[in-house]
Amino acid sequence: MERRQMVRVVVDEMRRYDPNPTRSQCLTVVRNIIRQYPKSFADMAPNGTLLSGGYSSLLIQVKNRIENLNRPASCMRHRSSKSSSTNRRRPSDNYGCTRFQADLPTEEADETVEQKRITLVDIYSQGGAAGAERADVKNLMKLTFCLQLHQINALPPPDVEDMRSKWPFLFIPKFIYAHFELLTDISVLRTLEISMEECGRTITHYFTRKPTNNDIKNVLSKGEDDKMALCVVQLLMAHFGENLTGLFLFTDLMLRQTLMYLQVLA
């Protein structure tokens, strides 16, 4: 009960400055709490070591509290809408997003944004995925973010191939990550990197102490040769009996196959 009360107090104080703090903002606050009061609020193993930074459960509580407080307001806005469309989206459809319905950029209109979309399609048709490295493409993708959202959120939902034809660059990882960050204020790659740093050592330590099969022992036998992220993924796949070739492309194998193919041609 005391922990829940503390979460309420913290969230109320945070929402005085921002009604909907981002996850990264919540993480900063929670980390400070854990740093000052580890025995009271940190996630700890029986031996007293912190689990994944010690803040996971408290962060979830804080973020859930914020979202629960914001949900009624969303419902009220939803009910007060004069639209009677049966295709109206539920309030929960924008769950976790900070820009579910973005406004047009300043000095832009529907026509100019649509023209920018057409320009992006033209660039892709001329240079393919290589155009993703162009600075103007990055800028155009950012300026057309509102139109991307509008078409993605359309009802009935758009066909994937139709979206691919209209937004070819959106199907390139670089711009999928950028779109997600604009939508949620969360950097996918940075968040994954932090998670690997915080959880990776715990996972490798666990499997080092309790290897569950020979594949895990083989992964661990490589020592520090592999990067942490790759090692963690390999350990988890080995634990669940998954084949690495289903997820990774091994360049040395591909090279051998290419050489064999060239020898056949010769």
Protein backbone atom coordinates (compact mmCIF):
# COMPACT_ATOMS: atom_id res chain seq x y z
CA MET A 1 0.00 0.00 0.00
CA GLU A 2 2.82 2.44 0.90
CA ARG A 3 4.53 1.77 -2.43
CA ARG A 4 1.33 2.45 -4.39
CA GLN A 5 0.80 5.64 -2.42
CA MET A 6 4.33 6.75 -3.23
CA VAL A 7 3.70 6.06 -6.93
CA ARG A 8 0.56 8.21 -6.79
CA VAL A 9 2.44 11.08 -5.16
CA VAL A 10 5.30 10.90 -7.67
CA VAL A 11 2.95 10.76 -10.66
CA ASP A 12 0.83 13.64 -9.37
CA GLU A 13 3.95 15.74 -8.98
CA MET A 14 5.21 14.85 -12.47
CA ARG A 15 1.86 15.65 -14.06
CA ARG A 16 1.94 19.15 -12.62
CA TYR A 17 4.57 19.90 -15.27
CA ASP A 18 3.48 17.52 -18.04
CA PRO A 19 0.12 15.67 -18.14
CA ASN A 20 1.66 12.83 -20.13
CA PRO A 21 5.39 12.38 -19.37
CA THR A 22 7.30 10.19 -21.80
CA ARG A 23 8.82 6.88 -20.81
CA SER A 24 12.32 8.38 -20.88
CA GLN A 25 11.22 11.14 -18.50
CA CYS A 26 9.66 8.58 -16.18
CA LEU A 27 12.83 6.51 -16.37
CA THR A 28 14.93 9.47 -15.23
CA VAL A 29 12.71 10.03 -12.19
CA VAL A 30 12.53 6.33 -11.31
CA ARG A 31 16.29 5.90 -11.58
CA ASN A 32 16.81 8.75 -9.13
CA ILE A 33 14.39 7.12 -6.69
CA ILE A 34 16.13 3.76 -6.99
CA ARG A 35 19.51 5.40 -6.54
CA GLN A 36 18.42 7.07 -3.29
CA TYR A 37 16.21 4.29 -1.87
CA PRO A 38 17.39 0.97 -3.33
CA LYS A 39 16.31 -1.14 -0.36
CA SER A 40 12.75 0.17 -0.51
CA PHE A 41 12.02 0.26 -4.24
CA ALA A 42 14.68 -1.56 -6.27
CA ASP A 43 14.16 -4.95 -7.92
CA MET A 44 16.66 -7.22 -6.21
CA ALA A 45 17.71 -10.84 -6.43
CA PRO A 46 17.79 -12.93 -3.23
CA ASN A 47 21.53 -12.30 -2.98
CA GLY A 48 20.97 -8.53 -2.98
CA THR A 49 22.10 -7.73 -6.53
CA LEU A 50 20.02 -5.39 -8.67
CA LEU A 51 17.97 -6.99 -11.42
CA SER A 52 18.20 -5.18 -14.76
CA GLY A 53 19.06 -1.88 -13.15
CA GLY A 54 16.54 -2.41 -10.37
CA TYR A 55 13.92 -0.06 -11.75
CA SER A 56 11.73 -2.15 -14.10
CA SER A 57 8.75 -2.80 -11.81
CA LEU A 58 8.65 0.75 -10.44
CA LEU A 59 8.88 2.21 -13.94
CA ILE A 60 5.96 0.04 -15.04
CA GLN A 61 3.90 1.17 -12.05
CA VAL A 62 4.61 4.85 -12.71
CA LYS A 63 3.89 4.63 -16.43
CA ASN A 64 0.71 2.61 -15.88
CA ARG A 65 -0.50 5.14 -13.32
CA ILE A 66 0.04 7.99 -15.80
CA GLU A 67 -1.78 6.16 -18.58
CA ASN A 68 -4.66 5.23 -16.27
CA LEU A 69 -5.07 8.87 -15.24
CA ASN A 70 -5.00 10.05 -18.84
CA ARG A 71 -7.44 7.46 -20.13
CA PRO A 72 -10.65 9.01 -18.71
CA ALA A 73 -9.83 12.35 -20.34
CA SER A 74 -9.40 10.58 -23.65
CA CYS A 75 -12.76 8.88 -23.20
CA MET A 76 -14.47 12.19 -22.43
CA ARG A 77 -13.01 13.77 -25.55
CA HIS A 78 -14.10 10.72 -27.48
CA ARG A 79 -17.68 10.92 -26.21
CA SER A 80 -17.93 14.66 -26.77
CA SER A 81 -17.00 14.31 -30.42
CA LYS A 82 -19.92 15.14 -32.69
CA SER A 83 -18.89 12.55 -35.23
CA SER A 84 -21.30 9.64 -35.46
CA SER A 85 -19.13 7.46 -37.65
CA THR A 86 -19.28 3.78 -36.76
CA ASN A 87 -15.66 3.46 -37.87
CA ARG A 88 -14.44 5.76 -35.10
CA ARG A 89 -11.34 4.44 -33.37
CA ARG A 90 -11.46 3.55 -29.69
CA PRO A 91 -9.48 5.77 -27.25
CA SER A 92 -7.19 2.84 -26.51
CA ASP A 93 -6.00 2.85 -30.12
CA ASN A 94 -3.60 5.71 -29.32
CA TYR A 95 -2.23 3.90 -26.27
CA GLY A 96 1.44 4.70 -25.76
CA CYS A 97 1.65 7.19 -28.63
CA THR A 98 2.49 10.84 -28.06
CA ARG A 99 1.61 11.96 -31.59
CA PHE A 100 -1.19 9.67 -32.69
CA GLN A 101 -2.74 12.46 -34.79
CA ALA A 102 -0.05 14.95 -35.82
CA ASP A 103 -0.82 18.41 -37.16
CA LEU A 104 0.46 19.80 -40.43
CA PRO A 105 3.87 21.48 -40.16
CA THR A 106 3.92 25.26 -40.13
CA GLU A 107 3.60 26.79 -43.60
CA GLU A 108 2.42 23.48 -45.06
CA ALA A 109 -0.96 22.58 -46.53
CA ASP A 110 -2.57 19.30 -47.55
CA GLU A 111 -1.61 19.90 -51.17
CA THR A 112 2.05 20.68 -50.45
CA VAL A 113 2.45 17.67 -48.17
CA GLU A 114 0.92 15.40 -50.81
CA GLN A 115 3.31 16.84 -53.38
CA LYS A 116 6.21 15.99 -51.09
CA ARG A 117 4.92 12.42 -50.85
CA ILE A 118 4.91 12.20 -54.65
CA THR A 119 8.46 13.57 -54.71
CA LEU A 120 9.54 10.81 -52.33
CA VAL A 121 7.97 8.17 -54.57
CA ASP A 122 9.79 9.65 -57.58
CA ILE A 123 13.13 9.62 -55.75
CA TYR A 124 12.64 5.99 -54.76
CA SER A 125 11.64 4.97 -58.29
CA GLN A 126 14.87 6.50 -59.61
CA GLY A 127 17.39 5.41 -56.97
CA GLY A 128 15.69 2.72 -54.92
CA ALA A 129 16.63 2.18 -51.28
CA ALA A 130 19.91 4.03 -51.82
CA GLY A 131 17.91 7.25 -51.75
CA ALA A 132 17.43 6.75 -48.00
CA GLU A 133 20.88 8.26 -47.46
CA ARG A 134 19.90 11.56 -49.05
CA ALA A 135 19.44 14.49 -46.68
CA ASP A 136 16.42 15.80 -48.58
CA VAL A 137 14.67 12.42 -48.22
CA LYS A 138 15.15 12.54 -44.45
CA ASN A 139 13.68 16.04 -44.36
CA LEU A 140 10.76 15.13 -46.62
CA MET A 141 9.91 12.08 -44.51
CA LYS A 142 9.80 14.24 -41.42
CA LEU A 143 7.64 16.89 -43.08
CA THR A 144 5.17 14.28 -44.33
CA PHE A 145 4.87 12.52 -40.96
CA CYS A 146 1.34 13.85 -40.43
CA LEU A 147 0.19 12.45 -43.78
CA GLN A 148 1.82 9.10 -43.03
CA LEU A 149 -0.13 8.89 -39.78
CA HIS A 150 -3.37 9.95 -41.43
CA GLN A 151 -3.10 7.20 -44.02
CA ILE A 152 -1.89 4.53 -41.60
CA ASN A 153 -4.73 5.29 -39.16
CA ALA A 154 -7.38 5.38 -41.87
CA LEU A 155 -10.48 3.23 -41.52
CA PRO A 156 -10.82 0.74 -42.98
CA PRO A 157 -7.10 0.00 -42.48
CA PRO A 158 -4.98 0.43 -45.61
CA ASP A 159 -3.49 -2.47 -47.53
CA VAL A 160 0.21 -3.00 -46.79
CA GLU A 161 1.16 -3.11 -50.46
CA ASP A 162 -0.78 0.07 -51.06
CA MET A 163 1.15 1.76 -48.25
CA ARG A 164 4.40 0.41 -49.67
CA SER A 165 3.64 1.97 -53.05
CA LYS A 166 2.75 5.32 -51.47
CA TRP A 167 5.53 5.35 -48.86
CA PRO A 168 8.40 3.15 -50.10
CA PHE A 169 10.95 4.75 -47.77
CA LEU A 170 8.77 3.97 -44.76
CA PHE A 171 9.58 0.28 -45.31
CA ILE A 172 13.30 0.89 -44.88
CA PRO A 173 14.51 0.28 -41.28
CA LYS A 174 16.06 3.72 -40.96
CA PHE A 175 12.73 5.45 -41.53
CA ILE A 176 10.66 2.90 -39.64
CA TYR A 177 12.80 3.73 -36.59
CA ALA A 178 12.48 7.47 -37.25
CA HIS A 179 8.69 7.20 -37.64
CA PHE A 180 8.38 5.23 -34.41
CA GLU A 181 10.47 7.79 -32.54
CA LEU A 182 8.30 10.66 -33.78
CA LEU A 183 5.22 8.66 -32.81
CA THR A 184 6.28 7.62 -29.30
CA ASP A 185 9.33 9.72 -28.35
CA ILE A 186 11.23 6.44 -27.99
CA SER A 187 14.41 5.70 -29.92
CA VAL A 188 14.15 2.02 -30.83
CA LEU A 189 17.85 1.38 -31.29
CA ARG A 190 18.93 3.37 -28.24
CA THR A 191 16.29 1.68 -26.07
CA LEU A 192 17.42 -1.72 -27.30
CA GLU A 193 21.03 -0.79 -26.65
CA ILE A 194 20.25 0.29 -23.08
CA SER A 195 18.20 -2.84 -22.47
CA MET A 196 21.03 -5.01 -23.71
CA GLU A 197 23.48 -3.21 -21.45
CA GLU A 198 21.24 -3.56 -18.42
CA CYS A 199 19.76 -7.02 -19.00
CA GLY A 200 22.45 -8.67 -21.10
CA ARG A 201 24.90 -9.28 -18.29
CA THR A 202 22.14 -10.71 -16.09
CA ILE A 203 21.12 -13.13 -18.86
CA THR A 204 24.67 -14.23 -19.64
CA HIS A 205 25.44 -14.59 -15.93
CA TYR A 206 22.37 -16.78 -15.46
CA PHE A 207 23.21 -19.10 -18.35
CA THR A 208 26.86 -19.23 -17.29
CA ARG A 209 25.76 -20.55 -13.91
CA LYS A 210 22.95 -22.74 -15.25
CA PRO A 211 23.42 -23.70 -18.92
CA THR A 212 20.29 -25.52 -20.05
CA ASN A 213 21.74 -27.34 -23.08
CA ASN A 214 24.89 -27.91 -25.11
CA ASP A 215 24.08 -25.14 -27.60
CA ILE A 216 24.22 -22.62 -24.78
CA LYS A 217 27.59 -24.01 -23.70
CA ASN A 218 28.85 -23.58 -27.27
CA VAL A 219 27.74 -19.94 -27.33
CA LEU A 220 29.38 -19.27 -23.97
CA SER A 221 32.60 -20.98 -25.06
CA LYS A 222 33.21 -18.14 -27.52
CA GLY A 223 33.93 -15.88 -24.56
CA GLU A 224 33.99 -12.15 -25.32
CA ASP A 225 34.44 -12.57 -29.06
CA ASP A 226 30.82 -11.67 -29.79
CA LYS A 227 29.14 -8.41 -28.92
CA MET A 228 26.76 -8.46 -25.98
CA ALA A 229 23.60 -8.06 -28.08
CA LEU A 230 24.54 -10.91 -30.42
CA CYS A 231 25.55 -13.13 -27.51
CA VAL A 232 22.25 -12.54 -25.68
CA VAL A 233 20.18 -13.30 -28.78
CA GLN A 234 22.18 -16.46 -29.43
CA LEU A 235 21.75 -17.60 -25.83
CA LEU A 236 17.99 -17.06 -25.86
CA MET A 237 17.58 -18.80 -29.22
CA ALA A 238 19.71 -21.70 -28.02
CA HIS A 239 17.66 -21.97 -24.84
CA PHE A 240 14.39 -22.19 -26.78
CA GLY A 241 15.84 -24.48 -29.45
CA GLU A 242 15.56 -21.97 -32.29
CA ASN A 243 17.74 -22.15 -35.39
CA LEU A 244 20.05 -19.16 -35.81
CA THR A 245 19.75 -19.26 -39.58
CA GLY A 246 16.13 -18.23 -39.20
CA LEU A 247 17.26 -14.86 -37.88
CA PHE A 248 20.85 -14.23 -38.99
CA LEU A 249 22.54 -14.05 -42.36
CA PHE A 250 26.07 -15.36 -41.97
CA THR A 251 28.28 -13.45 -44.39
CA ASP A 252 31.06 -16.04 -44.49
CA LEU A 253 28.55 -18.71 -45.54
CA MET A 254 27.09 -16.41 -48.15
CA LEU A 255 30.59 -15.70 -49.44
CA ARG A 256 31.37 -19.42 -49.80
CA GLN A 257 28.11 -19.98 -51.65
CA THR A 258 28.86 -17.08 -53.97
CA LEU A 259 32.35 -18.44 -54.75
CA MET A 260 30.92 -21.88 -55.48
CA TYR A 261 28.36 -20.29 -57.79
CA LEU A 262 31.09 -18.36 -59.63
CA GLN A 263 33.14 -21.55 -60.02
CA VAL A 264 30.15 -23.28 -61.59
CA LEU A 265 29.72 -20.39 -64.02
CA ALA A 266 33.40 -20.57 -64.93
